[in-house]
Every structure is written in C-alpha cells, then in structure tokens.
Amino acid sequence: MSGLAVVGMVVENRGQRAPDLQEILTRHGDRILGRMGLRSPDKEEGIISLIVEGSDEEVERIVRDIGSVDGVTVTHMMLR
C-alpha cells in the first residue's frame, strides 16, 4: 500500500553537501511528489522539505539514504 510522508532536512554547508544530496534525490525522484528548499540568509545552511509517496519501506529507504550524507539532519512523518 502506498502512503504519503513529509520528509524534512537541514543541510549544513550547502555548497559542499549539494552534489551528494542531489544524487540521492534524483535516484528517488519517482517517489518525490514535491520539493521546497529554503536557504538561511546568514548561514551556509539550507532547509528542504519533500512530499513523498511510497510504502513505509520505500520512505524509510529514502530517509536512510538522505541521512547517510554527512552534515544532513533528516526526519519524517507518515501522513497515511
């Protein structure tokens, strides 16, 4: 069964982390319905939120992959 989840992350040193993080998001792009990114104006920090559709296992895999990037803090909430 497919569910919906919100995935939120804080990215430290955006410039350094972006290539690794983008590769992961591209790999899981078929599950990502929406994405919003904000940067901190006074820090080299970013905030990204995703709306993800998939099974619990698929969402957990995406969160685990994102969390494997140094300097990225990630959490999620299943909506259904």
PDB file of N, CA and C in Angstrom:
ATOM      1  N   MET A   1       0.837  -1.182   0.000  1.00  0.00           N
ATOM      2  CA  MET A   1       0.000   0.000   0.000  1.00  0.00           C
ATOM      3  C   MET A   1       0.879   1.241   0.000  1.00  0.00           C
ATOM      4  N   SER A   2       0.476   2.211  -0.756  1.00  0.00           N
ATOM      5  CA  SER A   2       1.249   3.438  -0.888  1.00  0.00           C
ATOM      6  C   SER A   2       0.755   4.475   0.102  1.00  0.00           C
ATOM      7  N   GLY A   3       1.682   5.154   0.751  1.00  0.00           N
ATOM      8  CA  GLY A   3       1.336   6.185   1.711  1.00  0.00           C
ATOM      9  C   GLY A   3       1.973   7.506   1.320  1.00  0.00           C
ATOM     10  N   LEU A   4       1.684   8.525   2.097  1.00  0.00           N
ATOM     11  CA  LEU A   4       2.273   9.846   1.910  1.00  0.00           C
ATOM     12  C   LEU A   4       3.081  10.200   3.146  1.00  0.00           C
ATOM     13  N   ALA A   5       4.192  10.878   2.916  1.00  0.00           N
ATOM     14  CA  ALA A   5       5.048  11.291   4.027  1.00  0.00           C
ATOM     15  C   ALA A   5       5.609  12.676   3.732  1.00  0.00           C
ATOM     16  N   VAL A   6       5.900  13.390   4.810  1.00  0.00           N
ATOM     17  CA  VAL A   6       6.646  14.640   4.723  1.00  0.00           C
ATOM     18  C   VAL A   6       8.041  14.331   5.254  1.00  0.00           C
ATOM     19  N   VAL A   7       9.048  14.680   4.464  1.00  0.00           N
ATOM     20  CA  VAL A   7      10.439  14.477   4.857  1.00  0.00           C
ATOM     21  C   VAL A   7      11.072  15.858   4.972  1.00  0.00           C
ATOM     22  N   GLY A   8      11.665  16.143   6.127  1.00  0.00           N
ATOM     23  CA  GLY A   8      12.311  17.429   6.341  1.00  0.00           C
ATOM     24  C   GLY A   8      13.779  17.247   6.660  1.00  0.00           C
ATOM     25  N   MET A   9      14.582  18.171   6.144  1.00  0.00           N
ATOM     26  CA  MET A   9      16.018  18.065   6.413  1.00  0.00           C
ATOM     27  C   MET A   9      16.654  19.430   6.540  1.00  0.00           C
ATOM     28  N   VAL A  10      17.713  19.480   7.328  1.00  0.00           N
ATOM     29  CA  VAL A  10      18.566  20.662   7.453  1.00  0.00           C
ATOM     30  C   VAL A  10      19.921  20.257   6.895  1.00  0.00           C
ATOM     31  N   VAL A  11      20.436  21.092   5.998  1.00  0.00           N
ATOM     32  CA  VAL A  11      21.688  20.792   5.312  1.00  0.00           C
ATOM     33  C   VAL A  11      22.727  21.834   5.715  1.00  0.00           C
ATOM     34  N   GLU A  12      23.768  21.383   6.396  1.00  0.00           N
ATOM     35  CA  GLU A  12      24.881  22.265   6.756  1.00  0.00           C
ATOM     36  C   GLU A  12      25.846  22.338   5.580  1.00  0.00           C
ATOM     37  N   ASN A  13      26.515  23.474   5.426  1.00  0.00           N
ATOM     38  CA  ASN A  13      27.486  23.631   4.335  1.00  0.00           C
ATOM     39  C   ASN A  13      26.879  23.209   2.999  1.00  0.00           C
ATOM     40  N   ARG A  14      25.805  23.903   2.630  1.00  0.00           N
ATOM     41  CA  ARG A  14      25.033  23.544   1.432  1.00  0.00           C
ATOM     42  C   ARG A  14      25.899  23.305   0.206  1.00  0.00           C
ATOM     43  N   GLY A  15      26.853  24.181  -0.035  1.00  0.00           N
ATOM     44  CA  GLY A  15      27.688  24.069  -1.221  1.00  0.00           C
ATOM     45  C   GLY A  15      28.441  22.758  -1.306  1.00  0.00           C
ATOM     46  N   GLN A  16      28.898  22.263  -0.165  1.00  0.00           N
ATOM     47  CA  GLN A  16      29.647  21.005  -0.133  1.00  0.00           C
ATOM     48  C   GLN A  16      28.735  19.788  -0.194  1.00  0.00           C
ATOM     49  N   ARG A  17      27.562  19.881   0.398  1.00  0.00           N
ATOM     50  CA  ARG A  17      26.668  18.723   0.510  1.00  0.00           C
ATOM     51  C   ARG A  17      25.765  18.549  -0.708  1.00  0.00           C
ATOM     52  N   ALA A  18      25.539  19.616  -1.465  1.00  0.00           N
ATOM     53  CA  ALA A  18      24.549  19.605  -2.542  1.00  0.00           C
ATOM     54  C   ALA A  18      24.747  18.490  -3.564  1.00  0.00           C
ATOM     55  N   PRO A  19      25.948  18.236  -4.064  1.00  0.00           N
ATOM     56  CA  PRO A  19      26.074  17.179  -5.079  1.00  0.00           C
ATOM     57  C   PRO A  19      25.649  15.797  -4.580  1.00  0.00           C
ATOM     58  N   ASP A  20      26.077  15.422  -3.383  1.00  0.00           N
ATOM     59  CA  ASP A  20      25.705  14.113  -2.842  1.00  0.00           C
ATOM     60  C   ASP A  20      24.208  14.037  -2.578  1.00  0.00           C
ATOM     61  N   LEU A  21      23.662  15.093  -2.015  1.00  0.00           N
ATOM     62  CA  LEU A  21      22.235  15.112  -1.711  1.00  0.00           C
ATOM     63  C   LEU A  21      21.413  15.095  -2.995  1.00  0.00           C
ATOM     64  N   GLN A  22      21.803  15.860  -3.995  1.00  0.00           N
ATOM     65  CA  GLN A  22      21.069  15.898  -5.257  1.00  0.00           C
ATOM     66  C   GLN A  22      21.074  14.532  -5.939  1.00  0.00           C
ATOM     67  N   GLU A  23      22.170  13.814  -5.847  1.00  0.00           N
ATOM     68  CA  GLU A  23      22.241  12.478  -6.448  1.00  0.00           C
ATOM     69  C   GLU A  23      21.210  11.548  -5.800  1.00  0.00           C
ATOM     70  N   ILE A  24      21.067  11.641  -4.487  1.00  0.00           N
ATOM     71  CA  ILE A  24      20.096  10.810  -3.773  1.00  0.00           C
ATOM     72  C   ILE A  24      18.677  11.210  -4.148  1.00  0.00           C
ATOM     73  N   LEU A  25      18.399  12.503  -4.187  1.00  0.00           N
ATOM     74  CA  LEU A  25      17.056  12.957  -4.539  1.00  0.00           C
ATOM     75  C   LEU A  25      16.703  12.570  -5.971  1.00  0.00           C
ATOM     76  N   THR A  26      17.657  12.635  -6.870  1.00  0.00           N
ATOM     77  CA  THR A  26      17.417  12.222  -8.257  1.00  0.00           C
ATOM     78  C   THR A  26      17.129  10.725  -8.326  1.00  0.00           C
ATOM     79  N   ARG A  27      17.886   9.940  -7.587  1.00  0.00           N
ATOM     80  CA  ARG A  27      17.692   8.478  -7.567  1.00  0.00           C
ATOM     81  C   ARG A  27      16.288   8.115  -7.092  1.00  0.00           C
ATOM     82  N   HIS A  28      15.747   8.880  -6.149  1.00  0.00           N
ATOM     83  CA  HIS A  28      14.422   8.588  -5.594  1.00  0.00           C
ATOM     84  C   HIS A  28      13.342   9.504  -6.187  1.00  0.00           C
ATOM     85  N   GLY A  29      13.659  10.153  -7.278  1.00  0.00           N
ATOM     86  CA  GLY A  29      12.754  11.135  -7.869  1.00  0.00           C
ATOM     87  C   GLY A  29      11.380  10.616  -8.237  1.00  0.00           C
ATOM     88  N   ASP A  30      11.264   9.335  -8.555  1.00  0.00           N
ATOM     89  CA  ASP A  30       9.953   8.786  -8.907  1.00  0.00           C
ATOM     90  C   ASP A  30       9.013   8.724  -7.713  1.00  0.00           C
ATOM     91  N   ARG A  31       9.527   8.855  -6.506  1.00  0.00           N
ATOM     92  CA  ARG A  31       8.711   8.834  -5.288  1.00  0.00           C
ATOM     93  C   ARG A  31       8.450  10.233  -4.727  1.00  0.00           C
ATOM     94  N   ILE A  32       9.170  11.234  -5.213  1.00  0.00           N
ATOM     95  CA  ILE A  32       9.053  12.592  -4.677  1.00  0.00           C
ATOM     96  C   ILE A  32       8.000  13.361  -5.470  1.00  0.00           C
ATOM     97  N   LEU A  33       6.919  13.739  -4.790  1.00  0.00           N
ATOM     98  CA  LEU A  33       5.836  14.474  -5.434  1.00  0.00           C
ATOM     99  C   LEU A  33       6.081  15.976  -5.435  1.00  0.00           C
ATOM    100  N   GLY A  34       6.757  16.465  -4.398  1.00  0.00           N
ATOM    101  CA  GLY A  34       7.014  17.899  -4.290  1.00  0.00           C
ATOM    102  C   GLY A  34       8.240  18.165  -3.445  1.00  0.00           C
ATOM    103  N   ARG A  35       8.840  19.323  -3.713  1.00  0.00           N
ATOM    104  CA  ARG A  35      10.078  19.682  -3.009  1.00  0.00           C
ATOM    105  C   ARG A  35      10.114  21.189  -2.843  1.00  0.00           C
ATOM    106  N   MET A  36      10.489  21.627  -1.638  1.00  0.00           N
ATOM    107  CA  MET A  36      10.667  23.046  -1.384  1.00  0.00           C
ATOM    108  C   MET A  36      11.983  23.228  -0.638  1.00  0.00           C
ATOM    109  N   GLY A  37      12.782  24.164  -1.082  1.00  0.00           N
ATOM    110  CA  GLY A  37      14.057  24.423  -0.430  1.00  0.00           C
ATOM    111  C   GLY A  37      14.196  25.885  -0.052  1.00  0.00           C
ATOM    112  N   LEU A  38      14.734  26.119   1.116  1.00  0.00           N
ATOM    113  CA  LEU A  38      14.997  27.473   1.617  1.00  0.00           C
ATOM    114  C   LEU A  38      16.436  27.531   2.099  1.00  0.00           C
ATOM    115  N   ARG A  39      17.056  28.652   1.896  1.00  0.00           N
ATOM    116  CA  ARG A  39      18.409  28.802   2.422  1.00  0.00           C
ATOM    117  C   ARG A  39      18.391  29.822   3.542  1.00  0.00           C
ATOM    118  N   SER A  40      19.257  29.630   4.485  1.00  0.00           N
ATOM    119  CA  SER A  40      19.402  30.576   5.578  1.00  0.00           C
ATOM    120  C   SER A  40      20.212  31.763   5.059  1.00  0.00           C
ATOM    121  N   PRO A  41      19.689  32.975   5.166  1.00  0.00           N
ATOM    122  CA  PRO A  41      20.395  34.123   4.609  1.00  0.00           C
ATOM    123  C   PRO A  41      21.705  34.451   5.318  1.00  0.00           C
ATOM    124  N   ASP A  42      21.827  34.088   6.572  1.00  0.00           N
ATOM    125  CA  ASP A  42      23.038  34.449   7.311  1.00  0.00           C
ATOM    126  C   ASP A  42      23.976  33.269   7.550  1.00  0.00           C
ATOM    127  N   LYS A  43      23.629  32.090   7.049  1.00  0.00           N
ATOM    128  CA  LYS A  43      24.450  30.903   7.253  1.00  0.00           C
ATOM    129  C   LYS A  43      24.531  30.119   5.957  1.00  0.00           C
ATOM    130  N   GLU A  44      25.475  29.251   5.890  1.00  0.00           N
ATOM    131  CA  GLU A  44      25.596  28.342   4.755  1.00  0.00           C
ATOM    132  C   GLU A  44      24.798  27.078   5.087  1.00  0.00           C
ATOM    133  N   GLU A  45      23.506  27.283   5.326  1.00  0.00           N
ATOM    134  CA  GLU A  45      22.620  26.211   5.767  1.00  0.00           C
ATOM    135  C   GLU A  45      21.360  26.246   4.925  1.00  0.00           C
ATOM    136  N   GLY A  46      20.791  25.108   4.656  1.00  0.00           N
ATOM    137  CA  GLY A  46      19.558  25.044   3.898  1.00  0.00           C
ATOM    138  C   GLY A  46      18.543  24.151   4.577  1.00  0.00           C
ATOM    139  N   ILE A  47      17.282  24.385   4.246  1.00  0.00           N
ATOM    140  CA  ILE A  47      16.182  23.567   4.750  1.00  0.00           C
ATOM    141  C   ILE A  47      15.432  23.060   3.528  1.00  0.00           C
ATOM    142  N   ILE A  48      15.205  21.769   3.469  1.00  0.00           N
ATOM    143  CA  ILE A  48      14.482  21.170   2.351  1.00  0.00           C
ATOM    144  C   ILE A  48      13.343  20.336   2.908  1.00  0.00           C
ATOM    145  N   SER A  49      12.171  20.475   2.305  1.00  0.00           N
ATOM    146  CA  SER A  49      11.052  19.608   2.650  1.00  0.00           C
ATOM    147  C   SER A  49      10.596  18.883   1.387  1.00  0.00           C
ATOM    148  N   LEU A  50      10.225  17.636   1.572  1.00  0.00           N
ATOM    149  CA  LEU A  50       9.761  16.797   0.479  1.00  0.00           C
ATOM    150  C   LEU A  50       8.394  16.221   0.823  1.00  0.00           C
ATOM    151  N   ILE A  51       7.562  16.057  -0.192  1.00  0.00           N
ATOM    152  CA  ILE A  51       6.358  15.240  -0.077  1.00  0.00           C
ATOM    153  C   ILE A  51       6.661  13.974  -0.860  1.00  0.00           C
ATOM    154  N   VAL A  52       6.584  12.834  -0.174  1.00  0.00           N
ATOM    155  CA  VAL A  52       6.997  11.557  -0.750  1.00  0.00           C
ATOM    156  C   VAL A  52       5.820  10.596  -0.739  1.00  0.00           C
ATOM    157  N   GLU A  53       5.672   9.848  -1.835  1.00  0.00           N
ATOM    158  CA  GLU A  53       4.654   8.808  -1.916  1.00  0.00           C
ATOM    159  C   GLU A  53       5.344   7.464  -2.031  1.00  0.00           C
ATOM    160  N   GLY A  54       4.959   6.525  -1.181  1.00  0.00           N
ATOM    161  CA  GLY A  54       5.547   5.199  -1.239  1.00  0.00           C
ATOM    162  C   GLY A  54       5.155   4.390  -0.024  1.00  0.00           C
ATOM    163  N   SER A  55       5.568   3.148  -0.036  1.00  0.00           N
ATOM    164  CA  SER A  55       5.319   2.283   1.113  1.00  0.00           C
ATOM    165  C   SER A  55       6.187   2.751   2.281  1.00  0.00           C
ATOM    166  N   ASP A  56       5.885   2.252   3.464  1.00  0.00           N
ATOM    167  CA  ASP A  56       6.706   2.586   4.635  1.00  0.00           C
ATOM    168  C   ASP A  56       8.174   2.250   4.374  1.00  0.00           C
ATOM    169  N   GLU A  57       8.417   1.108   3.756  1.00  0.00           N
ATOM    170  CA  GLU A  57       9.785   0.677   3.477  1.00  0.00           C
ATOM    171  C   GLU A  57      10.473   1.621   2.490  1.00  0.00           C
ATOM    172  N   GLU A  58       9.749   2.067   1.462  1.00  0.00           N
ATOM    173  CA  GLU A  58      10.338   2.978   0.485  1.00  0.00           C
ATOM    174  C   GLU A  58      10.678   4.319   1.113  1.00  0.00           C
ATOM    175  N   VAL A  59       9.779   4.828   1.938  1.00  0.00           N
ATOM    176  CA  VAL A  59      10.033   6.105   2.610  1.00  0.00           C
ATOM    177  C   VAL A  59      11.220   5.964   3.557  1.00  0.00           C
ATOM    178  N   GLU A  60      11.270   4.889   4.311  1.00  0.00           N
ATOM    179  CA  GLU A  60      12.399   4.653   5.216  1.00  0.00           C
ATOM    180  C   GLU A  60      13.719   4.580   4.454  1.00  0.00           C
ATOM    181  N   ARG A  61      13.712   3.970   3.270  1.00  0.00           N
ATOM    182  CA  ARG A  61      14.926   3.868   2.456  1.00  0.00           C
ATOM    183  C   ARG A  61      15.393   5.258   2.022  1.00  0.00           C
ATOM    184  N   ILE A  62      14.454   6.110   1.608  1.00  0.00           N
ATOM    185  CA  ILE A  62      14.805   7.472   1.202  1.00  0.00           C
ATOM    186  C   ILE A  62      15.398   8.233   2.385  1.00  0.00           C
ATOM    187  N   VAL A  63      14.752   8.147   3.536  1.00  0.00           N
ATOM    188  CA  VAL A  63      15.230   8.838   4.738  1.00  0.00           C
ATOM    189  C   VAL A  63      16.610   8.321   5.138  1.00  0.00           C
ATOM    190  N   ARG A  64      16.812   7.032   5.073  1.00  0.00           N
ATOM    191  CA  ARG A  64      18.114   6.434   5.413  1.00  0.00           C
ATOM    192  C   ARG A  64      19.199   6.926   4.450  1.00  0.00           C
ATOM    193  N   ASP A  65      18.887   6.966   3.148  1.00  0.00           N
ATOM    194  CA  ASP A  65      19.865   7.431   2.161  1.00  0.00           C
ATOM    195  C   ASP A  65      20.217   8.899   2.388  1.00  0.00           C
ATOM    196  N   ILE A  66      19.205   9.720   2.631  1.00  0.00           N
ATOM    197  CA  ILE A  66      19.467  11.145   2.893  1.00  0.00           C
ATOM    198  C   ILE A  66      20.310  11.295   4.154  1.00  0.00           C
ATOM    199  N   GLY A  67      19.974  10.542   5.197  1.00  0.00           N
ATOM    200  CA  GLY A  67      20.697  10.620   6.459  1.00  0.00           C
ATOM    201  C   GLY A  67      22.135  10.143   6.383  1.00  0.00           C
ATOM    202  N   SER A  68      22.494   9.447   5.307  1.00  0.00           N
ATOM    203  CA  SER A  68      23.869   8.967   5.156  1.00  0.00           C
ATOM    204  C   SER A  68      24.829  10.075   4.729  1.00  0.00           C
ATOM    205  N   VAL A  69      24.297  11.226   4.330  1.00  0.00           N
ATOM    206  CA  VAL A  69      25.145  12.345   3.909  1.00  0.00           C
ATOM    207  C   VAL A  69      25.580  13.115   5.150  1.00  0.00           C
ATOM    208  N   ASP A  70      26.886  13.241   5.345  1.00  0.00           N
ATOM    209  CA  ASP A  70      27.410  13.996   6.479  1.00  0.00           C
ATOM    210  C   ASP A  70      26.880  15.424   6.440  1.00  0.00           C
ATOM    211  N   GLY A  71      26.498  15.942   7.598  1.00  0.00           N
ATOM    212  CA  GLY A  71      26.032  17.315   7.692  1.00  0.00           C
ATOM    213  C   GLY A  71      24.563  17.505   7.357  1.00  0.00           C
ATOM    214  N   VAL A  72      23.841  16.403   7.143  1.00  0.00           N
ATOM    215  CA  VAL A  72      22.407  16.480   6.852  1.00  0.00           C
ATOM    216  C   VAL A  72      21.647  15.815   7.991  1.00  0.00           C
ATOM    217  N   THR A  73      20.725  16.560   8.586  1.00  0.00           N
ATOM    218  CA  THR A  73      19.830  16.033   9.617  1.00  0.00           C
ATOM    219  C   THR A  73      18.468  15.848   8.971  1.00  0.00           C
ATOM    220  N   VAL A  74      17.885  14.676   9.101  1.00  0.00           N
ATOM    221  CA  VAL A  74      16.620  14.375   8.412  1.00  0.00           C
ATOM    222  C   VAL A  74      15.644  13.730   9.372  1.00  0.00           C
ATOM    223  N   THR A  75      14.368  14.017   9.171  1.00  0.00           N
ATOM    224  CA  THR A  75      13.287  13.373   9.908  1.00  0.00           C
ATOM    225  C   THR A  75      12.101  13.257   8.970  1.00  0.00           C
ATOM    226  N   HIS A  76      11.113  12.458   9.362  1.00  0.00           N
ATOM    227  CA  HIS A  76       9.929  12.329   8.510  1.00  0.00           C
ATOM    228  C   HIS A  76       8.695  12.024   9.342  1.00  0.00           C
ATOM    229  N   MET A  77       7.550  12.211   8.690  1.00  0.00           N
ATOM    230  CA  MET A  77       6.281  11.942   9.322  1.00  0.00           C
ATOM    231  C   MET A  77       5.373  11.299   8.269  1.00  0.00           C
ATOM    232  N   MET A  78       4.856  10.127   8.572  1.00  0.00           N
ATOM    233  CA  MET A  78       3.921   9.462   7.675  1.00  0.00           C
ATOM    234  C   MET A  78       2.551  10.122   7.835  1.00  0.00           C
ATOM    235  N   LEU A  79       1.915  10.462   6.729  1.00  0.00           N
ATOM    236  CA  LEU A  79       0.599  11.085   6.776  1.00  0.00           C
ATOM    237  C   LEU A  79      -0.514  10.069   6.612  1.00  0.00           C
ATOM    238  N   ARG A  80      -0.245   9.025   5.845  1.00  0.00           N
ATOM    239  CA  ARG A  80      -1.207   7.921   5.699  1.00  0.00           C
ATOM    240  C   ARG A  80      -0.512   6.709   5.187  1.00  0.00           C
TER     241      ARG A  80
END
